[in-house]
């Protein structure tokens, strides 16, 4: 005799026992497993989008600090992560990528072509979500003449560095 999900059966000595059958337990475990995998997949997507949002916000924060630096110095720095360039005067600490604390890609640029002073800059971060709407509104520019000591930068490169564009735009980049 069965009452809901609990089965009632008689043992060899005539006493009745109540409990779940093995099949019922396996079905419940399978359902819990499926539900947990759906929840974890959604959670990973939310984390990815959160990290990308933080990257875009970090670049905007660095951009504000660079503008303050330019107003005070009349040029942009060659390296934003060098000691006492932006931090602590213009920003408490220069943000780094939330995964691995890697420095964001940055290149000081000389629009005059002499590479003597940095009159502009190019900054970017590699986003994890290639369908992120922010990638539609970024600069996607190739590097101009880099200041002496600056690194190569390409707004369409896979890791924001180098001179060659990638097949998929993963670099969110901006200029002043």
N, C-alpha and C. Protein backbone atom coordinates (compact mmCIF):
# COMPACT_ATOMS: atom_id res chain seq x y z
N UNK A 1 0.84 -1.16 0.00
CA UNK A 1 0.00 0.00 0.00
C UNK A 1 0.89 1.24 0.00
N UNK A 2 0.54 2.26 -0.77
CA UNK A 2 1.36 3.46 -0.91
C UNK A 2 0.56 4.68 -0.48
N UNK A 3 1.18 5.51 0.34
CA UNK A 3 0.56 6.75 0.79
C UNK A 3 1.47 7.88 0.33
N UNK A 4 1.06 8.61 -0.71
CA UNK A 4 1.91 9.67 -1.26
C UNK A 4 3.22 9.09 -1.76
N UNK A 5 4.33 9.62 -1.25
CA UNK A 5 5.65 9.14 -1.64
C UNK A 5 6.17 8.09 -0.67
N UNK A 6 5.51 7.89 0.44
CA UNK A 6 5.99 6.95 1.45
C UNK A 6 5.33 5.59 1.19
N UNK A 7 6.13 4.58 1.08
CA UNK A 7 5.62 3.23 0.84
C UNK A 7 5.43 2.51 2.16
N UNK A 8 4.42 1.67 2.21
CA UNK A 8 4.16 0.87 3.41
C UNK A 8 4.21 -0.59 3.00
N UNK A 9 5.06 -1.35 3.64
CA UNK A 9 5.17 -2.77 3.30
C UNK A 9 5.29 -3.58 4.57
N UNK A 10 5.06 -4.89 4.43
CA UNK A 10 5.15 -5.79 5.59
C UNK A 10 6.44 -6.57 5.51
N UNK A 11 7.06 -6.76 6.66
CA UNK A 11 8.28 -7.55 6.73
C UNK A 11 7.92 -9.02 6.94
N UNK A 12 8.94 -9.86 7.05
CA UNK A 12 8.73 -11.31 7.22
C UNK A 12 8.00 -11.64 8.51
N UNK A 13 8.17 -10.85 9.55
CA UNK A 13 7.50 -11.16 10.82
C UNK A 13 6.11 -10.51 10.92
N UNK A 14 5.63 -9.86 9.85
CA UNK A 14 4.28 -9.33 9.82
C UNK A 14 4.15 -7.89 10.23
N UNK A 15 5.22 -7.25 10.67
CA UNK A 15 5.16 -5.84 11.05
C UNK A 15 5.22 -4.98 9.78
N UNK A 16 4.52 -3.87 9.79
CA UNK A 16 4.58 -2.98 8.63
C UNK A 16 5.68 -1.93 8.82
N UNK A 17 6.34 -1.59 7.69
CA UNK A 17 7.40 -0.57 7.70
C UNK A 17 7.02 0.55 6.75
N UNK A 18 7.42 1.75 7.11
CA UNK A 18 7.18 2.89 6.23
C UNK A 18 8.53 3.45 5.81
N UNK A 19 8.66 3.89 4.55
CA UNK A 19 9.91 4.46 4.08
C UNK A 19 9.84 4.76 2.60
N UNK A 20 10.91 5.32 2.09
CA UNK A 20 11.00 5.65 0.67
C UNK A 20 11.66 4.50 -0.06
N UNK A 21 11.22 4.28 -1.28
CA UNK A 21 11.87 3.25 -2.09
C UNK A 21 13.15 3.83 -2.67
N UNK A 22 14.01 2.97 -3.12
CA UNK A 22 15.28 3.40 -3.71
C UNK A 22 15.04 4.26 -4.94
N UNK A 23 14.08 3.91 -5.76
CA UNK A 23 13.76 4.67 -6.96
C UNK A 23 13.33 6.09 -6.59
N UNK A 24 12.49 6.22 -5.59
CA UNK A 24 12.03 7.54 -5.17
C UNK A 24 13.19 8.40 -4.69
N UNK A 25 14.10 7.81 -3.94
CA UNK A 25 15.27 8.56 -3.48
C UNK A 25 16.16 8.99 -4.64
N UNK A 26 16.36 8.11 -5.61
CA UNK A 26 17.19 8.45 -6.77
C UNK A 26 16.56 9.56 -7.60
N UNK A 27 15.25 9.55 -7.75
CA UNK A 27 14.56 10.60 -8.51
C UNK A 27 14.73 11.95 -7.81
N UNK A 28 14.58 11.98 -6.51
CA UNK A 28 14.74 13.23 -5.75
C UNK A 28 16.17 13.74 -5.85
N UNK A 29 17.15 12.86 -5.74
CA UNK A 29 18.56 13.26 -5.86
C UNK A 29 18.84 13.81 -7.25
N UNK A 30 18.28 13.18 -8.29
CA UNK A 30 18.48 13.65 -9.66
C UNK A 30 17.88 15.04 -9.85
N UNK A 31 16.69 15.26 -9.32
CA UNK A 31 16.05 16.57 -9.44
C UNK A 31 16.87 17.64 -8.72
N UNK A 32 17.35 17.34 -7.54
CA UNK A 32 18.20 18.30 -6.81
C UNK A 32 19.47 18.60 -7.60
N UNK A 33 20.07 17.59 -8.20
CA UNK A 33 21.28 17.79 -9.01
C UNK A 33 21.03 18.69 -10.20
N UNK A 34 19.93 18.49 -10.90
CA UNK A 34 19.60 19.32 -12.06
C UNK A 34 19.35 20.76 -11.64
N UNK A 35 18.59 20.95 -10.58
CA UNK A 35 18.31 22.31 -10.10
C UNK A 35 19.58 23.03 -9.65
N UNK A 36 20.48 22.32 -8.98
CA UNK A 36 21.71 22.96 -8.53
C UNK A 36 22.61 23.33 -9.70
N UNK A 37 22.63 22.52 -10.76
CA UNK A 37 23.46 22.87 -11.92
C UNK A 37 22.92 24.10 -12.64
N UNK A 38 21.60 24.24 -12.70
CA UNK A 38 21.00 25.43 -13.31
C UNK A 38 21.33 26.67 -12.49
N UNK A 39 21.23 26.57 -11.19
CA UNK A 39 21.53 27.70 -10.31
C UNK A 39 23.00 28.09 -10.42
N UNK A 40 23.90 27.11 -10.43
CA UNK A 40 25.33 27.42 -10.53
C UNK A 40 25.69 28.05 -11.87
N UNK A 41 25.06 27.59 -12.95
CA UNK A 41 25.31 28.19 -14.26
C UNK A 41 24.88 29.66 -14.27
N UNK A 42 23.73 29.95 -13.70
CA UNK A 42 23.25 31.33 -13.62
C UNK A 42 24.16 32.18 -12.75
N UNK A 43 24.64 31.60 -11.68
CA UNK A 43 25.53 32.32 -10.77
C UNK A 43 26.85 32.66 -11.45
N UNK A 44 27.40 31.74 -12.24
CA UNK A 44 28.65 32.01 -12.96
C UNK A 44 28.47 33.13 -13.98
N UNK A 45 27.33 33.15 -14.67
CA UNK A 45 27.06 34.22 -15.64
C UNK A 45 26.95 35.56 -14.92
N UNK A 46 26.31 35.58 -13.78
CA UNK A 46 26.19 36.82 -13.01
C UNK A 46 27.56 37.30 -12.53
N UNK A 47 28.41 36.39 -12.11
CA UNK A 47 29.76 36.77 -11.68
C UNK A 47 30.56 37.36 -12.84
N UNK A 48 30.47 36.74 -14.00
CA UNK A 48 31.18 37.21 -15.19
C UNK A 48 30.74 38.64 -15.53
N UNK A 49 29.44 38.87 -15.55
CA UNK A 49 28.93 40.21 -15.87
C UNK A 49 29.34 41.21 -14.80
N UNK A 50 29.37 40.79 -13.56
CA UNK A 50 29.79 41.66 -12.47
C UNK A 50 31.25 42.08 -12.63
N UNK A 51 32.11 41.13 -12.98
CA UNK A 51 33.54 41.46 -13.17
C UNK A 51 33.72 42.42 -14.35
N UNK A 52 32.96 42.21 -15.43
CA UNK A 52 33.06 43.11 -16.58
C UNK A 52 32.57 44.52 -16.22
N UNK A 53 31.51 44.61 -15.45
CA UNK A 53 31.01 45.92 -15.01
C UNK A 53 32.06 46.62 -14.15
N UNK A 54 32.72 45.86 -13.31
CA UNK A 54 33.78 46.45 -12.47
C UNK A 54 34.94 46.94 -13.34
N UNK A 55 35.30 46.19 -14.37
CA UNK A 55 36.39 46.61 -15.26
C UNK A 55 36.07 47.95 -15.92
N UNK A 56 34.86 48.08 -16.44
CA UNK A 56 34.46 49.33 -17.09
C UNK A 56 34.47 50.48 -16.07
N UNK A 57 33.97 50.24 -14.88
CA UNK A 57 33.97 51.27 -13.83
C UNK A 57 35.40 51.64 -13.42
N UNK A 58 36.28 50.64 -13.34
CA UNK A 58 37.69 50.90 -13.01
C UNK A 58 38.33 51.81 -14.04
N UNK A 59 38.07 51.53 -15.33
CA UNK A 59 38.67 52.36 -16.39
C UNK A 59 38.16 53.80 -16.31
N UNK A 60 36.90 53.96 -16.00
CA UNK A 60 36.35 55.33 -15.87
C UNK A 60 36.97 56.05 -14.68
N UNK A 61 37.23 55.31 -13.61
CA UNK A 61 37.88 55.90 -12.43
C UNK A 61 39.32 56.30 -12.78
N UNK A 62 40.03 55.44 -13.51
CA UNK A 62 41.40 55.77 -13.94
C UNK A 62 41.37 56.97 -14.87
N UNK A 63 40.38 57.02 -15.75
CA UNK A 63 40.26 58.13 -16.69
C UNK A 63 40.10 59.46 -15.94
N UNK A 64 39.33 59.48 -14.87
CA UNK A 64 39.19 60.70 -14.07
C UNK A 64 40.51 61.09 -13.42
N UNK A 65 41.24 60.11 -12.90
CA UNK A 65 42.54 60.38 -12.29
C UNK A 65 43.53 60.90 -13.33
N UNK A 66 43.47 60.36 -14.55
CA UNK A 66 44.35 60.82 -15.62
C UNK A 66 44.04 62.27 -16.00
N UNK A 67 42.77 62.63 -15.98
CA UNK A 67 42.41 64.01 -16.29
C UNK A 67 42.94 64.97 -15.22
N UNK A 68 42.84 64.56 -13.95
CA UNK A 68 43.41 65.38 -12.87
C UNK A 68 44.92 65.51 -13.02
N UNK A 69 45.58 64.42 -13.39
CA UNK A 69 47.03 64.43 -13.60
C UNK A 69 47.38 65.38 -14.75
N UNK A 70 46.62 65.31 -15.85
CA UNK A 70 46.87 66.16 -17.00
C UNK A 70 46.68 67.64 -16.64
N UNK A 71 45.64 67.94 -15.88
CA UNK A 71 45.39 69.32 -15.46
C UNK A 71 46.55 69.88 -14.64
N UNK A 72 47.18 69.03 -13.83
CA UNK A 72 48.28 69.47 -12.97
C UNK A 72 49.63 69.47 -13.69
N UNK A 73 49.86 68.48 -14.56
CA UNK A 73 51.19 68.30 -15.18
C UNK A 73 51.29 68.77 -16.63
N UNK A 74 50.17 68.92 -17.31
CA UNK A 74 50.19 69.35 -18.70
C UNK A 74 50.48 68.23 -19.69
N UNK A 75 50.58 67.01 -19.22
CA UNK A 75 50.77 65.84 -20.07
C UNK A 75 50.28 64.61 -19.32
N UNK A 76 50.15 63.50 -20.04
CA UNK A 76 49.73 62.24 -19.41
C UNK A 76 50.96 61.42 -19.07
N UNK A 77 50.86 60.54 -18.08
CA UNK A 77 52.03 59.73 -17.70
C UNK A 77 52.32 58.63 -18.73
N UNK A 78 53.57 58.18 -18.75
CA UNK A 78 53.96 57.07 -19.62
C UNK A 78 53.43 55.77 -19.04
N UNK A 79 53.47 55.64 -17.70
CA UNK A 79 53.06 54.42 -17.01
C UNK A 79 52.20 54.80 -15.81
N UNK A 80 50.95 54.35 -15.78
CA UNK A 80 50.06 54.72 -14.67
C UNK A 80 50.32 53.91 -13.41
N UNK A 81 51.03 52.79 -13.54
CA UNK A 81 51.27 51.93 -12.38
C UNK A 81 52.63 52.18 -11.72
N UNK A 82 53.41 53.09 -12.27
CA UNK A 82 54.70 53.43 -11.64
C UNK A 82 54.43 54.11 -10.30
N UNK A 83 55.38 53.99 -9.40
CA UNK A 83 55.22 54.55 -8.04
C UNK A 83 55.01 56.06 -8.09
N UNK A 84 54.05 56.54 -7.33
CA UNK A 84 53.77 57.96 -7.14
C UNK A 84 53.41 58.71 -8.42
N UNK A 85 52.89 58.02 -9.43
CA UNK A 85 52.45 58.72 -10.63
C UNK A 85 51.00 59.18 -10.44
N UNK A 86 50.07 58.25 -10.36
CA UNK A 86 48.67 58.61 -10.11
C UNK A 86 48.31 58.46 -8.64
N UNK A 87 48.77 57.37 -8.04
CA UNK A 87 48.45 57.11 -6.63
C UNK A 87 49.58 57.59 -5.75
N UNK A 88 49.34 58.18 -4.65
CA UNK A 88 48.06 58.45 -3.99
C UNK A 88 47.51 59.85 -4.25
N UNK A 89 48.18 60.66 -5.08
CA UNK A 89 47.76 62.05 -5.27
C UNK A 89 46.42 62.17 -6.00
N UNK A 90 46.25 61.43 -7.11
CA UNK A 90 45.07 61.60 -7.95
C UNK A 90 44.04 60.49 -7.78
N UNK A 91 44.47 59.39 -7.20
CA UNK A 91 43.59 58.25 -6.95
C UNK A 91 44.21 57.46 -5.79
N UNK A 92 43.39 56.90 -4.93
CA UNK A 92 43.92 56.19 -3.75
C UNK A 92 44.85 55.05 -4.17
N UNK A 93 44.41 54.23 -5.09
CA UNK A 93 45.22 53.14 -5.64
C UNK A 93 44.72 52.89 -7.05
N UNK A 94 45.64 52.69 -7.98
CA UNK A 94 45.25 52.44 -9.36
C UNK A 94 44.66 51.03 -9.43
N UNK A 95 43.40 50.92 -9.86
CA UNK A 95 42.75 49.61 -9.89
C UNK A 95 43.42 48.64 -10.85
N UNK A 96 43.28 47.36 -10.55
CA UNK A 96 43.77 46.29 -11.42
C UNK A 96 42.61 45.37 -11.72
N UNK A 97 42.78 44.52 -12.72
CA UNK A 97 41.75 43.58 -13.13
C UNK A 97 41.33 42.70 -11.95
N UNK A 98 40.02 42.47 -11.77
CA UNK A 98 39.56 41.67 -10.64
C UNK A 98 40.01 40.21 -10.67
N UNK A 99 40.36 39.71 -11.83
CA UNK A 99 40.85 38.33 -11.93
C UNK A 99 42.37 38.37 -12.03
N UNK A 100 43.04 37.93 -11.00
CA UNK A 100 44.49 37.86 -11.01
C UNK A 100 45.20 39.16 -10.69
N UNK A 101 44.47 40.24 -10.45
CA UNK A 101 45.07 41.54 -10.14
C UNK A 101 46.12 41.96 -11.18
N UNK A 102 45.81 41.73 -12.45
CA UNK A 102 46.68 42.11 -13.56
C UNK A 102 46.44 43.58 -13.89
N UNK A 103 47.50 44.29 -14.25
CA UNK A 103 47.36 45.70 -14.62
C UNK A 103 46.55 45.84 -15.91
N UNK A 104 45.73 46.88 -15.96
CA UNK A 104 44.99 47.17 -17.18
C UNK A 104 45.97 47.67 -18.24
N UNK A 105 45.63 47.45 -19.51
CA UNK A 105 46.48 47.90 -20.61
C UNK A 105 46.42 49.42 -20.71
N UNK A 106 47.58 50.04 -20.82
CA UNK A 106 47.66 51.50 -20.91
C UNK A 106 48.85 51.87 -21.78
N UNK A 107 48.65 52.87 -22.62
CA UNK A 107 49.75 53.42 -23.42
C UNK A 107 49.61 54.93 -23.46
N UNK A 108 50.67 55.62 -23.05
CA UNK A 108 50.73 57.07 -23.22
C UNK A 108 51.05 57.35 -24.68
N UNK A 109 50.34 58.29 -25.29
CA UNK A 109 50.50 58.55 -26.72
C UNK A 109 50.96 59.98 -26.98
N UNK A 110 51.74 60.12 -28.04
CA UNK A 110 52.19 61.44 -28.49
C UNK A 110 51.52 61.72 -29.82
N UNK A 111 50.58 62.65 -29.83
CA UNK A 111 49.85 62.95 -31.05
C UNK A 111 50.69 63.73 -32.05
N UNK A 112 51.80 64.33 -31.60
CA UNK A 112 52.67 65.06 -32.50
C UNK A 112 53.65 64.18 -33.25
N UNK A 113 53.80 62.93 -32.82
CA UNK A 113 54.66 62.00 -33.53
C UNK A 113 56.10 61.99 -33.09
N UNK A 114 56.46 62.75 -32.06
CA UNK A 114 57.86 62.80 -31.65
C UNK A 114 58.18 61.85 -30.51
N UNK A 115 57.17 61.32 -29.85
CA UNK A 115 57.31 60.39 -28.72
C UNK A 115 58.00 61.02 -27.52
N UNK A 116 58.05 62.35 -27.48
CA UNK A 116 58.72 63.03 -26.37
C UNK A 116 57.79 63.22 -25.17
N UNK A 117 56.58 63.68 -25.42
CA UNK A 117 55.63 63.89 -24.32
C UNK A 117 54.32 63.17 -24.64
N UNK A 118 53.64 62.77 -23.59
CA UNK A 118 52.37 62.06 -23.76
C UNK A 118 51.23 63.07 -23.77
N UNK A 119 50.71 63.35 -24.94
CA UNK A 119 49.62 64.31 -25.08
C UNK A 119 48.26 63.63 -25.05
N UNK A 120 48.26 62.32 -25.09
CA UNK A 120 47.02 61.55 -25.06
C UNK A 120 47.32 60.18 -24.44
N UNK A 121 46.35 59.32 -24.41
CA UNK A 121 46.55 57.97 -23.89
C UNK A 121 45.51 57.03 -24.48
N UNK A 122 45.73 55.77 -24.28
CA UNK A 122 44.82 54.71 -24.70
C UNK A 122 44.81 53.71 -23.56
N UNK A 123 43.64 53.42 -23.01
CA UNK A 123 43.54 52.49 -21.87
C UNK A 123 42.45 51.47 -22.17
N UNK A 124 42.66 50.25 -21.69
CA UNK A 124 41.67 49.21 -21.97
C UNK A 124 41.73 48.04 -21.01
N UNK A 125 40.68 47.24 -21.08
CA UNK A 125 40.57 46.02 -20.27
C UNK A 125 39.94 44.93 -21.12
N UNK A 126 40.40 43.72 -20.92
CA UNK A 126 39.83 42.57 -21.63
C UNK A 126 38.57 42.14 -20.88
N UNK A 127 37.43 42.14 -21.59
CA UNK A 127 36.16 41.71 -21.00
C UNK A 127 35.95 40.22 -21.24
N UNK A 128 35.33 39.56 -20.30
CA UNK A 128 35.08 38.12 -20.42
C UNK A 128 33.87 37.83 -21.31
N UNK A 129 32.88 38.70 -21.30
CA UNK A 129 31.66 38.52 -22.07
C UNK A 129 31.80 39.26 -23.39
N UNK A 130 32.02 38.52 -24.48
CA UNK A 130 32.22 39.16 -25.78
C UNK A 130 30.93 39.78 -26.33
N UNK A 131 29.80 39.49 -25.71
CA UNK A 131 28.53 40.09 -26.13
C UNK A 131 28.17 41.30 -25.27
N UNK A 132 29.09 41.76 -24.44
CA UNK A 132 28.85 42.90 -23.56
C UNK A 132 28.56 44.14 -24.39
N UNK A 133 27.49 44.86 -24.05
CA UNK A 133 27.09 46.05 -24.80
C UNK A 133 28.14 47.15 -24.75
N UNK A 134 28.99 47.15 -23.73
CA UNK A 134 30.04 48.17 -23.63
C UNK A 134 31.02 48.08 -24.79
N UNK A 135 31.19 46.89 -25.36
CA UNK A 135 32.12 46.72 -26.48
C UNK A 135 31.62 47.43 -27.74
N UNK A 136 30.32 47.72 -27.80
CA UNK A 136 29.77 48.43 -28.96
C UNK A 136 30.01 49.93 -28.88
N UNK A 137 30.33 50.44 -27.69
CA UNK A 137 30.48 51.88 -27.52
C UNK A 137 31.91 52.30 -27.19
N UNK A 138 32.87 51.38 -27.30
CA UNK A 138 34.25 51.76 -27.00
C UNK A 138 34.94 52.30 -28.26
N UNK A 139 36.21 52.65 -28.13
CA UNK A 139 36.94 53.32 -29.20
C UNK A 139 37.38 52.37 -30.31
N UNK A 140 37.89 51.19 -29.97
CA UNK A 140 38.42 50.20 -30.93
C UNK A 140 39.50 50.80 -31.82
N UNK A 141 40.38 51.57 -31.24
CA UNK A 141 41.40 52.25 -32.02
C UNK A 141 42.73 51.52 -31.98
N UNK A 142 43.46 51.62 -33.07
CA UNK A 142 44.83 51.12 -33.11
C UNK A 142 45.71 52.17 -32.44
N UNK A 143 46.89 51.76 -32.05
CA UNK A 143 47.80 52.65 -31.34
C UNK A 143 48.37 53.72 -32.26
N UNK A 144 48.52 54.91 -31.72
CA UNK A 144 49.23 55.99 -32.41
C UNK A 144 50.69 55.91 -31.96
N UNK A 145 51.44 56.98 -32.16
CA UNK A 145 52.84 56.99 -31.72
C UNK A 145 52.89 56.94 -30.20
N UNK A 146 53.49 55.89 -29.68
CA UNK A 146 53.58 55.73 -28.22
C UNK A 146 54.72 56.60 -27.70
N UNK A 147 54.52 57.13 -26.49
CA UNK A 147 55.58 57.89 -25.83
C UNK A 147 56.76 56.96 -25.55
N UNK A 148 57.92 57.54 -25.36
CA UNK A 148 59.10 56.75 -25.05
C UNK A 148 58.84 55.90 -23.81
N UNK A 149 59.04 54.60 -23.94
CA UNK A 149 58.84 53.68 -22.83
C UNK A 149 57.43 53.13 -22.70
N UNK A 150 56.50 53.59 -23.53
CA UNK A 150 55.12 53.11 -23.45
C UNK A 150 54.98 51.78 -24.20
N UNK A 151 53.96 51.02 -23.86
CA UNK A 151 53.72 49.73 -24.50
C UNK A 151 52.80 49.88 -25.70
N UNK A 152 52.86 48.91 -26.59
CA UNK A 152 51.97 48.90 -27.75
C UNK A 152 50.55 48.60 -27.29
N UNK A 153 49.58 49.16 -27.98
CA UNK A 153 48.19 49.00 -27.59
C UNK A 153 47.34 48.93 -28.84
N UNK A 154 46.37 48.01 -28.86
CA UNK A 154 45.43 47.92 -29.97
C UNK A 154 44.05 47.63 -29.41
N UNK A 155 43.09 48.46 -29.71
CA UNK A 155 41.74 48.34 -29.17
C UNK A 155 40.95 47.15 -29.66
N UNK A 156 41.40 46.50 -30.72
CA UNK A 156 40.72 45.31 -31.23
C UNK A 156 41.55 44.05 -31.04
N UNK A 157 42.67 44.15 -30.36
CA UNK A 157 43.48 42.96 -30.09
C UNK A 157 42.83 42.14 -28.98
N UNK A 158 43.11 40.85 -28.97
CA UNK A 158 42.49 39.96 -27.99
C UNK A 158 42.82 40.35 -26.56
N UNK A 159 44.06 40.81 -26.31
CA UNK A 159 44.45 41.17 -24.94
C UNK A 159 44.77 42.66 -24.81
N UNK A 160 44.30 43.47 -25.75
CA UNK A 160 44.48 44.93 -25.78
C UNK A 160 45.92 45.35 -26.08
N UNK A 161 46.82 44.44 -26.33
CA UNK A 161 48.20 44.81 -26.63
C UNK A 161 48.59 44.29 -28.00
N UNK A 162 49.68 44.82 -28.51
CA UNK A 162 50.17 44.40 -29.81
C UNK A 162 49.73 45.34 -30.91
N UNK A 163 49.93 44.91 -32.14
CA UNK A 163 49.63 45.76 -33.28
C UNK A 163 48.60 45.16 -34.22
N UNK A 164 48.13 43.94 -33.92
CA UNK A 164 47.22 43.25 -34.82
C UNK A 164 45.86 43.05 -34.17
N UNK A 165 44.81 43.31 -34.94
CA UNK A 165 43.45 43.10 -34.44
C UNK A 165 43.14 41.61 -34.36
N UNK A 166 42.27 41.25 -33.43
CA UNK A 166 41.84 39.86 -33.28
C UNK A 166 40.52 39.66 -34.00
N UNK A 167 40.12 38.41 -34.15
CA UNK A 167 38.85 38.11 -34.80
C UNK A 167 37.66 38.53 -33.95
N UNK A 168 37.78 38.44 -32.64
CA UNK A 168 36.70 38.80 -31.72
C UNK A 168 37.15 39.96 -30.85
N UNK A 169 36.31 41.00 -30.79
CA UNK A 169 36.63 42.16 -29.97
C UNK A 169 36.37 41.84 -28.51
N UNK A 170 37.43 41.75 -27.70
CA UNK A 170 37.31 41.50 -26.27
C UNK A 170 37.84 42.68 -25.46
N UNK A 171 38.44 43.66 -26.14
CA UNK A 171 39.10 44.77 -25.46
C UNK A 171 38.17 45.98 -25.40
N UNK A 172 37.79 46.36 -24.19
CA UNK A 172 37.04 47.60 -23.99
C UNK A 172 38.08 48.69 -23.78
N UNK A 173 38.14 49.65 -24.70
CA UNK A 173 39.18 50.67 -24.63
C UNK A 173 38.59 52.06 -24.74
N UNK A 174 39.37 53.03 -24.21
CA UNK A 174 38.93 54.43 -24.25
C UNK A 174 40.13 55.36 -24.34
N UNK A 175 39.85 56.53 -24.84
CA UNK A 175 40.83 57.62 -24.94
C UNK A 175 40.21 58.85 -24.27
N UNK A 176 41.01 59.91 -24.05
CA UNK A 176 40.42 61.12 -23.44
C UNK A 176 39.37 61.76 -24.34
